[in-house]
């Protein structure tokens, strides 16, 4: 929570708020928080939960490991995973991250 209470995050949020995007474009908190973390935190302070699914239409993040599906933690269809998209492949290449 310290990050979200920091001056850096407050300045970022206030800038976004002044644009009117929260009201007119219905920007949500998840992408705003995620983008802020990717901009302002060192990569070592960011954790990606590979075994947790998430859906925010139209995007689906579906765990690809067998264990998540066998033990009932996830019931999504793996082939619908946004992480498999060409966009994400390019993002992983740019950031030198690992595919989900």
PDB file of N, CA and C in Angstrom:
ATOM      1  N   UNK A   1       0.813  -1.193   0.000  1.00  0.00           N
ATOM      2  CA  UNK A   1       0.000   0.000   0.000  1.00  0.00           C
ATOM      3  C   UNK A   1       0.861   1.264   0.000  1.00  0.00           C
ATOM      4  N   UNK A   2       2.092   1.117   0.462  1.00  0.00           N
ATOM      5  CA  UNK A   2       2.980   2.276   0.510  1.00  0.00           C
ATOM      6  C   UNK A   2       3.142   2.896  -0.886  1.00  0.00           C
ATOM      7  N   UNK A   3       3.253   2.045  -1.907  1.00  0.00           N
ATOM      8  CA  UNK A   3       3.401   2.540  -3.279  1.00  0.00           C
ATOM      9  C   UNK A   3       2.188   3.372  -3.702  1.00  0.00           C
ATOM     10  N   UNK A   4       0.981   2.863  -3.421  1.00  0.00           N
ATOM     11  CA  UNK A   4      -0.232   3.554  -3.848  1.00  0.00           C
ATOM     12  C   UNK A   4      -0.507   4.827  -3.048  1.00  0.00           C
ATOM     13  N   UNK A   5       0.221   5.003  -1.952  1.00  0.00           N
ATOM     14  CA  UNK A   5       0.099   6.237  -1.164  1.00  0.00           C
ATOM     15  C   UNK A   5       1.261   7.195  -1.425  1.00  0.00           C
ATOM     16  N   UNK A   6       2.165   6.799  -2.303  1.00  0.00           N
ATOM     17  CA  UNK A   6       3.359   7.606  -2.567  1.00  0.00           C
ATOM     18  C   UNK A   6       3.034   8.842  -3.403  1.00  0.00           C
ATOM     19  N   UNK A   7       3.936   9.810  -3.363  1.00  0.00           N
ATOM     20  CA  UNK A   7       3.777  11.020  -4.164  1.00  0.00           C
ATOM     21  C   UNK A   7       3.818  10.669  -5.650  1.00  0.00           C
ATOM     22  N   UNK A   8       4.676   9.768  -6.039  1.00  0.00           N
ATOM     23  CA  UNK A   8       4.773   9.365  -7.443  1.00  0.00           C
ATOM     24  C   UNK A   8       3.435   8.849  -7.950  1.00  0.00           C
ATOM     25  N   UNK A   9       2.827   7.936  -7.191  1.00  0.00           N
ATOM     26  CA  UNK A   9       1.539   7.395  -7.626  1.00  0.00           C
ATOM     27  C   UNK A   9       0.449   8.464  -7.577  1.00  0.00           C
ATOM     28  N   UNK A  10       0.456   9.285  -6.542  1.00  0.00           N
ATOM     29  CA  UNK A  10      -0.549  10.348  -6.429  1.00  0.00           C
ATOM     30  C   UNK A  10      -0.465  11.315  -7.608  1.00  0.00           C
ATOM     31  N   UNK A  11       0.750  11.688  -7.985  1.00  0.00           N
ATOM     32  CA  UNK A  11       0.926  12.584  -9.130  1.00  0.00           C
ATOM     33  C   UNK A  11       0.428  11.932 -10.416  1.00  0.00           C
ATOM     34  N   UNK A  12       0.754  10.664 -10.598  1.00  0.00           N
ATOM     35  CA  UNK A  12       0.302   9.895 -11.763  1.00  0.00           C
ATOM     36  C   UNK A  12      -1.231   9.836 -11.799  1.00  0.00           C
ATOM     37  N   UNK A  13      -1.829   9.485 -10.678  1.00  0.00           N
ATOM     38  CA  UNK A  13      -3.281   9.359 -10.613  1.00  0.00           C
ATOM     39  C   UNK A  13      -3.969  10.701 -10.859  1.00  0.00           C
ATOM     40  N   UNK A  14      -3.460  11.749 -10.245  1.00  0.00           N
ATOM     41  CA  UNK A  14      -4.055  13.079 -10.430  1.00  0.00           C
ATOM     42  C   UNK A  14      -3.969  13.526 -11.884  1.00  0.00           C
ATOM     43  N   UNK A  15      -2.852  13.205 -12.544  1.00  0.00           N
ATOM     44  CA  UNK A  15      -2.726  13.532 -13.968  1.00  0.00           C
ATOM     45  C   UNK A  15      -3.805  12.803 -14.775  1.00  0.00           C
ATOM     46  N   UNK A  16      -3.969  11.513 -14.528  1.00  0.00           N
ATOM     47  CA  UNK A  16      -4.998  10.748 -15.239  1.00  0.00           C
ATOM     48  C   UNK A  16      -6.395  11.291 -14.929  1.00  0.00           C
ATOM     49  N   UNK A  17      -6.620  11.624 -13.690  1.00  0.00           N
ATOM     50  CA  UNK A  17      -7.933  12.135 -13.285  1.00  0.00           C
ATOM     51  C   UNK A  17      -8.270  13.440 -14.006  1.00  0.00           C
ATOM     52  N   UNK A  18      -7.284  14.301 -14.160  1.00  0.00           N
ATOM     53  CA  UNK A  18      -7.514  15.581 -14.845  1.00  0.00           C
ATOM     54  C   UNK A  18      -7.895  15.394 -16.316  1.00  0.00           C
ATOM     55  N   UNK A  19      -7.521  14.293 -16.929  1.00  0.00           N
ATOM     56  CA  UNK A  19      -7.858  14.066 -18.341  1.00  0.00           C
ATOM     57  C   UNK A  19      -9.332  13.732 -18.532  1.00  0.00           C
ATOM     58  N   UNK A  20     -10.005  13.323 -17.461  1.00  0.00           N
ATOM     59  CA  UNK A  20     -11.421  12.959 -17.547  1.00  0.00           C
ATOM     60  C   UNK A  20     -11.668  11.523 -17.956  1.00  0.00           C
ATOM     61  N   UNK A  21     -10.603  10.745 -18.121  1.00  0.00           N
ATOM     62  CA  UNK A  21     -10.750   9.368 -18.588  1.00  0.00           C
ATOM     63  C   UNK A  21     -11.517   8.445 -17.660  1.00  0.00           C
ATOM     64  N   UNK A  22     -11.430   8.680 -16.360  1.00  0.00           N
ATOM     65  CA  UNK A  22     -12.174   7.837 -15.424  1.00  0.00           C
ATOM     66  C   UNK A  22     -13.678   8.026 -15.617  1.00  0.00           C
ATOM     67  N   UNK A  23     -14.067   9.255 -15.846  1.00  0.00           N
ATOM     68  CA  UNK A  23     -15.483   9.559 -16.004  1.00  0.00           C
ATOM     69  C   UNK A  23     -15.968   9.291 -17.432  1.00  0.00           C
ATOM     70  N   UNK A  24     -15.271   9.851 -18.417  1.00  0.00           N
ATOM     71  CA  UNK A  24     -15.744   9.767 -19.803  1.00  0.00           C
ATOM     72  C   UNK A  24     -15.431   8.440 -20.491  1.00  0.00           C
ATOM     73  N   UNK A  25     -14.305   7.844 -20.153  1.00  0.00           N
ATOM     74  CA  UNK A  25     -13.888   6.597 -20.803  1.00  0.00           C
ATOM     75  C   UNK A  25     -14.088   5.369 -19.920  1.00  0.00           C
ATOM     76  N   UNK A  26     -14.482   5.583 -18.673  1.00  0.00           N
ATOM     77  CA  UNK A  26     -14.717   4.511 -17.701  1.00  0.00           C
ATOM     78  C   UNK A  26     -13.466   3.668 -17.441  1.00  0.00           C
ATOM     79  N   UNK A  27     -12.308   4.352 -17.335  1.00  0.00           N
ATOM     80  CA  UNK A  27     -11.087   3.623 -17.007  1.00  0.00           C
ATOM     81  C   UNK A  27     -11.266   2.936 -15.672  1.00  0.00           C
ATOM     82  N   UNK A  28     -10.785   1.717 -15.577  1.00  0.00           N
ATOM     83  CA  UNK A  28     -10.909   0.949 -14.348  1.00  0.00           C
ATOM     84  C   UNK A  28      -9.641   0.988 -13.511  1.00  0.00           C
ATOM     85  N   UNK A  29      -9.764   0.521 -12.284  1.00  0.00           N
ATOM     86  CA  UNK A  29      -8.631   0.558 -11.372  1.00  0.00           C
ATOM     87  C   UNK A  29      -7.548  -0.456 -11.715  1.00  0.00           C
ATOM     88  N   UNK A  30      -7.924  -1.635 -12.219  1.00  0.00           N
ATOM     89  CA  UNK A  30      -6.919  -2.673 -12.471  1.00  0.00           C
ATOM     90  C   UNK A  30      -5.857  -2.234 -13.482  1.00  0.00           C
ATOM     91  N   UNK A  31      -6.252  -1.743 -14.666  1.00  0.00           N
ATOM     92  CA  UNK A  31      -5.194  -1.323 -15.594  1.00  0.00           C
ATOM     93  C   UNK A  31      -4.409  -0.110 -15.089  1.00  0.00           C
ATOM     94  N   UNK A  32      -5.074   0.801 -14.393  1.00  0.00           N
ATOM     95  CA  UNK A  32      -4.382   1.983 -13.862  1.00  0.00           C
ATOM     96  C   UNK A  32      -3.325   1.553 -12.848  1.00  0.00           C
ATOM     97  N   UNK A  33      -3.679   0.630 -11.956  1.00  0.00           N
ATOM     98  CA  UNK A  33      -2.706   0.128 -10.972  1.00  0.00           C
ATOM     99  C   UNK A  33      -1.578  -0.644 -11.657  1.00  0.00           C
ATOM    100  N   UNK A  34      -1.928  -1.502 -12.599  1.00  0.00           N
ATOM    101  CA  UNK A  34      -0.915  -2.329 -13.272  1.00  0.00           C
ATOM    102  C   UNK A  34       0.069  -1.489 -14.069  1.00  0.00           C
ATOM    103  N   UNK A  35      -0.453  -0.503 -14.783  1.00  0.00           N
ATOM    104  CA  UNK A  35       0.426   0.367 -15.573  1.00  0.00           C
ATOM    105  C   UNK A  35       1.345   1.160 -14.651  1.00  0.00           C
ATOM    106  N   UNK A  36       0.809   1.664 -13.555  1.00  0.00           N
ATOM    107  CA  UNK A  36       1.637   2.412 -12.599  1.00  0.00           C
ATOM    108  C   UNK A  36       2.756   1.532 -12.053  1.00  0.00           C
ATOM    109  N   UNK A  37       2.418   0.313 -11.677  1.00  0.00           N
ATOM    110  CA  UNK A  37       3.441  -0.595 -11.148  1.00  0.00           C
ATOM    111  C   UNK A  37       4.524  -0.850 -12.189  1.00  0.00           C
ATOM    112  N   UNK A  38       4.114  -1.061 -13.445  1.00  0.00           N
ATOM    113  CA  UNK A  38       5.103  -1.340 -14.486  1.00  0.00           C
ATOM    114  C   UNK A  38       5.969  -0.124 -14.798  1.00  0.00           C
ATOM    115  N   UNK A  39       5.424   1.071 -14.645  1.00  0.00           N
ATOM    116  CA  UNK A  39       6.189   2.293 -14.889  1.00  0.00           C
ATOM    117  C   UNK A  39       7.141   2.636 -13.753  1.00  0.00           C
ATOM    118  N   UNK A  40       6.677   2.498 -12.514  1.00  0.00           N
ATOM    119  CA  UNK A  40       7.370   3.107 -11.396  1.00  0.00           C
ATOM    120  C   UNK A  40       8.045   2.150 -10.416  1.00  0.00           C
ATOM    121  N   UNK A  41       7.779   0.867 -10.502  1.00  0.00           N
ATOM    122  CA  UNK A  41       8.404  -0.074  -9.572  1.00  0.00           C
ATOM    123  C   UNK A  41       9.495  -0.875 -10.276  1.00  0.00           C
ATOM    124  N   UNK A  42      10.547  -1.240  -9.563  1.00  0.00           N
ATOM    125  CA  UNK A  42      11.537  -2.129 -10.163  1.00  0.00           C
ATOM    126  C   UNK A  42      10.904  -3.495 -10.431  1.00  0.00           C
ATOM    127  N   UNK A  43      11.346  -4.142 -11.466  1.00  0.00           N
ATOM    128  CA  UNK A  43      10.786  -5.443 -11.854  1.00  0.00           C
ATOM    129  C   UNK A  43      10.839  -6.452 -10.699  1.00  0.00           C
ATOM    130  N   UNK A  44      11.835  -6.324  -9.839  1.00  0.00           N
ATOM    131  CA  UNK A  44      11.987  -7.256  -8.711  1.00  0.00           C
ATOM    132  C   UNK A  44      10.853  -7.118  -7.687  1.00  0.00           C
ATOM    133  N   UNK A  45      10.102  -6.020  -7.732  1.00  0.00           N
ATOM    134  CA  UNK A  45       9.005  -5.817  -6.793  1.00  0.00           C
ATOM    135  C   UNK A  45       7.642  -6.179  -7.384  1.00  0.00           C
ATOM    136  N   UNK A  46       7.636  -6.724  -8.576  1.00  0.00           N
ATOM    137  CA  UNK A  46       6.377  -7.095  -9.225  1.00  0.00           C
ATOM    138  C   UNK A  46       6.292  -8.610  -9.301  1.00  0.00           C
ATOM    139  N   UNK A  47       5.177  -9.152  -8.854  1.00  0.00           N
ATOM    140  CA  UNK A  47       4.973 -10.602  -8.898  1.00  0.00           C
ATOM    141  C   UNK A  47       3.791 -10.911  -9.799  1.00  0.00           C
ATOM    142  N   UNK A  48       3.995 -11.819 -10.729  1.00  0.00           N
ATOM    143  CA  UNK A  48       2.916 -12.264 -11.606  1.00  0.00           C
ATOM    144  C   UNK A  48       2.429 -13.619 -11.108  1.00  0.00           C
ATOM    145  N   UNK A  49       1.140 -13.726 -10.832  1.00  0.00           N
ATOM    146  CA  UNK A  49       0.568 -14.966 -10.322  1.00  0.00           C
ATOM    147  C   UNK A  49       0.191 -15.862 -11.506  1.00  0.00           C
ATOM    148  N   UNK A  50       1.081 -16.770 -11.858  1.00  0.00           N
ATOM    149  CA  UNK A  50       0.863 -17.645 -13.019  1.00  0.00           C
ATOM    150  C   UNK A  50      -0.286 -18.622 -12.808  1.00  0.00           C
ATOM    151  N   UNK A  51      -0.596 -18.942 -11.549  1.00  0.00           N
ATOM    152  CA  UNK A  51      -1.587 -19.988 -11.286  1.00  0.00           C
ATOM    153  C   UNK A  51      -2.964 -19.430 -10.922  1.00  0.00           C
ATOM    154  N   UNK A  52      -3.186 -18.149 -11.148  1.00  0.00           N
ATOM    155  CA  UNK A  52      -4.481 -17.548 -10.836  1.00  0.00           C
ATOM    156  C   UNK A  52      -5.094 -16.997 -12.120  1.00  0.00           C
ATOM    157  N   UNK A  53      -6.309 -17.426 -12.411  1.00  0.00           N
ATOM    158  CA  UNK A  53      -7.014 -16.933 -13.578  1.00  0.00           C
ATOM    159  C   UNK A  53      -7.695 -15.609 -13.304  1.00  0.00           C
ATOM    160  N   UNK A  54      -7.933 -14.863 -14.359  1.00  0.00           N
ATOM    161  CA  UNK A  54      -8.570 -13.558 -14.223  1.00  0.00           C
ATOM    162  C   UNK A  54      -9.336 -13.262 -15.503  1.00  0.00           C
ATOM    163  N   UNK A  55     -10.535 -12.728 -15.368  1.00  0.00           N
ATOM    164  CA  UNK A  55     -11.315 -12.361 -16.542  1.00  0.00           C
ATOM    165  C   UNK A  55     -11.859 -10.959 -16.370  1.00  0.00           C
ATOM    166  N   UNK A  56     -11.570 -10.140 -17.350  1.00  0.00           N
ATOM    167  CA  UNK A  56     -12.108  -8.785 -17.419  1.00  0.00           C
ATOM    168  C   UNK A  56     -12.425  -8.584 -18.894  1.00  0.00           C
ATOM    169  N   UNK A  57     -13.677  -8.842 -19.244  1.00  0.00           N
ATOM    170  CA  UNK A  57     -14.089  -8.884 -20.645  1.00  0.00           C
ATOM    171  C   UNK A  57     -13.532  -7.706 -21.440  1.00  0.00           C
ATOM    172  N   UNK A  58     -12.971  -7.976 -22.573  1.00  0.00           N
ATOM    173  CA  UNK A  58     -12.967  -9.241 -23.303  1.00  0.00           C
ATOM    174  C   UNK A  58     -11.721 -10.084 -23.048  1.00  0.00           C
ATOM    175  N   UNK A  59     -10.900  -9.742 -22.050  1.00  0.00           N
ATOM    176  CA  UNK A  59      -9.633 -10.426 -21.844  1.00  0.00           C
ATOM    177  C   UNK A  59      -9.747 -11.508 -20.783  1.00  0.00           C
ATOM    178  N   UNK A  60      -9.036 -12.605 -21.025  1.00  0.00           N
ATOM    179  CA  UNK A  60      -9.009 -13.725 -20.086  1.00  0.00           C
ATOM    180  C   UNK A  60      -7.557 -14.116 -19.862  1.00  0.00           C
ATOM    181  N   UNK A  61      -7.174 -14.225 -18.631  1.00  0.00           N
ATOM    182  CA  UNK A  61      -5.847 -14.727 -18.273  1.00  0.00           C
ATOM    183  C   UNK A  61      -6.082 -16.091 -17.642  1.00  0.00           C
ATOM    184  N   UNK A  62      -5.776 -17.126 -18.378  1.00  0.00           N
ATOM    185  CA  UNK A  62      -6.039 -18.496 -17.935  1.00  0.00           C
ATOM    186  C   UNK A  62      -4.722 -19.201 -17.626  1.00  0.00           C
ATOM    187  N   UNK A  63      -4.571 -19.754 -16.413  1.00  0.00           N
ATOM    188  CA  UNK A  63      -3.350 -20.495 -16.102  1.00  0.00           C
ATOM    189  C   UNK A  63      -3.133 -21.621 -17.111  1.00  0.00           C
ATOM    190  N   UNK A  64      -1.899 -21.815 -17.496  1.00  0.00           N
ATOM    191  CA  UNK A  64      -1.583 -22.816 -18.500  1.00  0.00           C
ATOM    192  C   UNK A  64      -1.057 -24.124 -17.902  1.00  0.00           C
ATOM    193  N   UNK A  65      -0.779 -24.113 -16.594  1.00  0.00           N
ATOM    194  CA  UNK A  65      -0.237 -25.328 -15.994  1.00  0.00           C
ATOM    195  C   UNK A  65      -1.341 -26.342 -15.693  1.00  0.00           C
ATOM    196  N   UNK A  66      -0.983 -27.596 -15.775  1.00  0.00           N
ATOM    197  CA  UNK A  66      -1.934 -28.691 -15.570  1.00  0.00           C
ATOM    198  C   UNK A  66      -2.468 -28.721 -14.142  1.00  0.00           C
ATOM    199  N   UNK A  67      -1.617 -28.448 -13.169  1.00  0.00           N
ATOM    200  CA  UNK A  67      -2.011 -28.535 -11.758  1.00  0.00           C
ATOM    201  C   UNK A  67      -3.176 -27.601 -11.422  1.00  0.00           C
ATOM    202  N   UNK A  68      -3.155 -26.385 -11.951  1.00  0.00           N
ATOM    203  CA  UNK A  68      -4.230 -25.425 -11.663  1.00  0.00           C
ATOM    204  C   UNK A  68      -5.582 -25.946 -12.133  1.00  0.00           C
ATOM    205  N   UNK A  69      -5.583 -26.706 -13.199  1.00  0.00           N
ATOM    206  CA  UNK A  69      -6.831 -27.239 -13.746  1.00  0.00           C
ATOM    207  C   UNK A  69      -7.245 -28.541 -13.050  1.00  0.00           C
ATOM    208  N   UNK A  70      -6.279 -29.373 -12.706  1.00  0.00           N
ATOM    209  CA  UNK A  70      -6.587 -30.646 -12.060  1.00  0.00           C
ATOM    210  C   UNK A  70      -7.102 -30.472 -10.635  1.00  0.00           C
ATOM    211  N   UNK A  71      -6.585 -29.484  -9.904  1.00  0.00           N
ATOM    212  CA  UNK A  71      -7.002 -29.334  -8.507  1.00  0.00           C
ATOM    213  C   UNK A  71      -8.187 -28.379  -8.349  1.00  0.00           C
ATOM    214  N   UNK A  72      -8.795 -27.959  -9.459  1.00  0.00           N
ATOM    215  CA  UNK A  72     -10.020 -27.164  -9.383  1.00  0.00           C
ATOM    216  C   UNK A  72      -9.842 -25.679  -9.161  1.00  0.00           C
ATOM    217  N   UNK A  73      -8.607 -25.183  -9.201  1.00  0.00           N
ATOM    218  CA  UNK A  73      -8.401 -23.741  -9.014  1.00  0.00           C
ATOM    219  C   UNK A  73      -8.822 -22.950 -10.247  1.00  0.00           C
ATOM    220  N   UNK A  74      -8.952 -23.628 -11.377  1.00  0.00           N
ATOM    221  CA  UNK A  74      -9.294 -22.917 -12.605  1.00  0.00           C
ATOM    222  C   UNK A  74     -10.129 -23.817 -13.502  1.00  0.00           C
ATOM    223  N   UNK A  75     -11.144 -23.234 -14.126  1.00  0.00           N
ATOM    224  CA  UNK A  75     -11.979 -24.004 -15.045  1.00  0.00           C
ATOM    225  C   UNK A  75     -12.071 -23.334 -16.417  1.00  0.00           C
ATOM    226  N   UNK A  76     -11.187 -22.376 -16.673  1.00  0.00           N
ATOM    227  CA  UNK A  76     -11.228 -21.670 -17.954  1.00  0.00           C
ATOM    228  C   UNK A  76     -10.687 -22.557 -19.075  1.00  0.00           C
ATOM    229  N   UNK A  77     -10.893 -22.118 -20.289  1.00  0.00           N
ATOM    230  CA  UNK A  77     -10.364 -22.828 -21.453  1.00  0.00           C
ATOM    231  C   UNK A  77      -9.015 -22.220 -21.801  1.00  0.00           C
ATOM    232  N   UNK A  78      -7.978 -22.990 -21.667  1.00  0.00           N
ATOM    233  CA  UNK A  78      -6.608 -22.489 -21.818  1.00  0.00           C
ATOM    234  C   UNK A  78      -6.350 -21.794 -23.152  1.00  0.00           C
ATOM    235  N   UNK A  79      -6.989 -22.264 -24.218  1.00  0.00           N
ATOM    236  CA  UNK A  79      -6.735 -21.665 -25.532  1.00  0.00           C
ATOM    237  C   UNK A  79      -7.282 -20.246 -25.646  1.00  0.00           C
ATOM    238  N   UNK A  80      -8.146 -19.828 -24.725  1.00  0.00           N
ATOM    239  CA  UNK A  80      -8.687 -18.468 -24.743  1.00  0.00           C
ATOM    240  C   UNK A  80      -7.823 -17.478 -23.965  1.00  0.00           C
ATOM    241  N   UNK A  81      -6.661 -17.888 -23.571  1.00  0.00           N
ATOM    242  CA  UNK A  81      -5.773 -17.075 -22.759  1.00  0.00           C
ATOM    243  C   UNK A  81      -5.222 -15.890 -23.545  1.00  0.00           C
ATOM    244  N   UNK A  82      -5.439 -14.675 -23.045  1.00  0.00           N
ATOM    245  CA  UNK A  82      -4.907 -13.470 -23.675  1.00  0.00           C
ATOM    246  C   UNK A  82      -3.385 -13.519 -23.735  1.00  0.00           C
ATOM    247  N   UNK A  83      -2.789 -14.226 -22.797  1.00  0.00           N
ATOM    248  CA  UNK A  83      -1.335 -14.366 -22.786  1.00  0.00           C
ATOM    249  C   UNK A  83      -0.790 -15.070 -24.012  1.00  0.00           C
ATOM    250  N   UNK A  84      -1.642 -15.764 -24.753  1.00  0.00           N
ATOM    251  CA  UNK A  84      -1.219 -16.449 -25.970  1.00  0.00           C
ATOM    252  C   UNK A  84      -1.314 -15.558 -27.210  1.00  0.00           C
ATOM    253  N   UNK A  85      -1.763 -14.334 -27.055  1.00  0.00           N
ATOM    254  CA  UNK A  85      -1.989 -13.459 -28.203  1.00  0.00           C
ATOM    255  C   UNK A  85      -0.682 -12.921 -28.783  1.00  0.00           C
ATOM    256  N   UNK A  86      -0.730 -12.474 -30.028  1.00  0.00           N
ATOM    257  CA  UNK A  86       0.436 -11.887 -30.681  1.00  0.00           C
ATOM    258  C   UNK A  86       0.874 -10.617 -29.942  1.00  0.00           C
ATOM    259  N   UNK A  87      -0.099  -9.835 -29.455  1.00  0.00           N
ATOM    260  CA  UNK A  87       0.215  -8.625 -28.689  1.00  0.00           C
ATOM    261  C   UNK A  87       1.081  -8.972 -27.484  1.00  0.00           C
ATOM    262  N   UNK A  88       0.670  -9.981 -26.735  1.00  0.00           N
ATOM    263  CA  UNK A  88       1.418 -10.345 -25.535  1.00  0.00           C
ATOM    264  C   UNK A  88       2.792 -10.916 -25.882  1.00  0.00           C
ATOM    265  N   UNK A  89       2.882 -11.658 -26.980  1.00  0.00           N
ATOM    266  CA  UNK A  89       4.182 -12.195 -27.400  1.00  0.00           C
ATOM    267  C   UNK A  89       5.149 -11.048 -27.678  1.00  0.00           C
ATOM    268  N   UNK A  90       4.657 -10.003 -28.333  1.00  0.00           N
ATOM    269  CA  UNK A  90       5.504  -8.837 -28.601  1.00  0.00           C
ATOM    270  C   UNK A  90       5.866  -8.110 -27.308  1.00  0.00           C
ATOM    271  N   UNK A  91       4.911  -8.010 -26.386  1.00  0.00           N
ATOM    272  CA  UNK A  91       5.185  -7.359 -25.103  1.00  0.00           C
ATOM    273  C   UNK A  91       6.260  -8.123 -24.330  1.00  0.00           C
ATOM    274  N   UNK A  92       6.159  -9.449 -24.303  1.00  0.00           N
ATOM    275  CA  UNK A  92       7.160 -10.258 -23.602  1.00  0.00           C
ATOM    276  C   UNK A  92       8.530 -10.065 -24.240  1.00  0.00           C
ATOM    277  N   UNK A  93       8.566  -9.971 -25.565  1.00  0.00           N
ATOM    278  CA  UNK A  93       9.833  -9.780 -26.266  1.00  0.00           C
ATOM    279  C   UNK A  93      10.455  -8.433 -25.894  1.00  0.00           C
ATOM    280  N   UNK A  94       9.624  -7.389 -25.867  1.00  0.00           N
ATOM    281  CA  UNK A  94      10.099  -6.044 -25.552  1.00  0.00           C
ATOM    282  C   UNK A  94      10.597  -5.966 -24.117  1.00  0.00           C
ATOM    283  N   UNK A  95       9.838  -6.543 -23.184  1.00  0.00           N
ATOM    284  CA  UNK A  95      10.197  -6.437 -21.766  1.00  0.00           C
ATOM    285  C   UNK A  95      11.121  -7.556 -21.314  1.00  0.00           C
ATOM    286  N   UNK A  96      11.410  -8.487 -22.210  1.00  0.00           N
ATOM    287  CA  UNK A  96      12.254  -9.645 -21.902  1.00  0.00           C
ATOM    288  C   UNK A  96      11.656 -10.476 -20.775  1.00  0.00           C
ATOM    289  N   UNK A  97      10.324 -10.447 -20.689  1.00  0.00           N
ATOM    290  CA  UNK A  97       9.611 -11.239 -19.692  1.00  0.00           C
ATOM    291  C   UNK A  97       9.427 -12.662 -20.185  1.00  0.00           C
ATOM    292  N   UNK A  98       8.755 -13.439 -19.392  1.00  0.00           N
ATOM    293  CA  UNK A  98       8.467 -14.808 -19.795  1.00  0.00           C
ATOM    294  C   UNK A  98       6.990 -14.968 -20.023  1.00  0.00           C
ATOM    295  N   UNK A  99       6.610 -15.679 -21.068  1.00  0.00           N
ATOM    296  CA  UNK A  99       5.188 -15.875 -21.331  1.00  0.00           C
ATOM    297  C   UNK A  99       4.486 -16.547 -20.170  1.00  0.00           C
ATOM    298  N   UNK A 100       3.218 -16.186 -19.992  1.00  0.00           N
ATOM    299  CA  UNK A 100       2.412 -16.736 -18.889  1.00  0.00           C
ATOM    300  C   UNK A 100       2.101 -18.186 -19.111  1.00  0.00           C
TER     301      UNK A 100
END
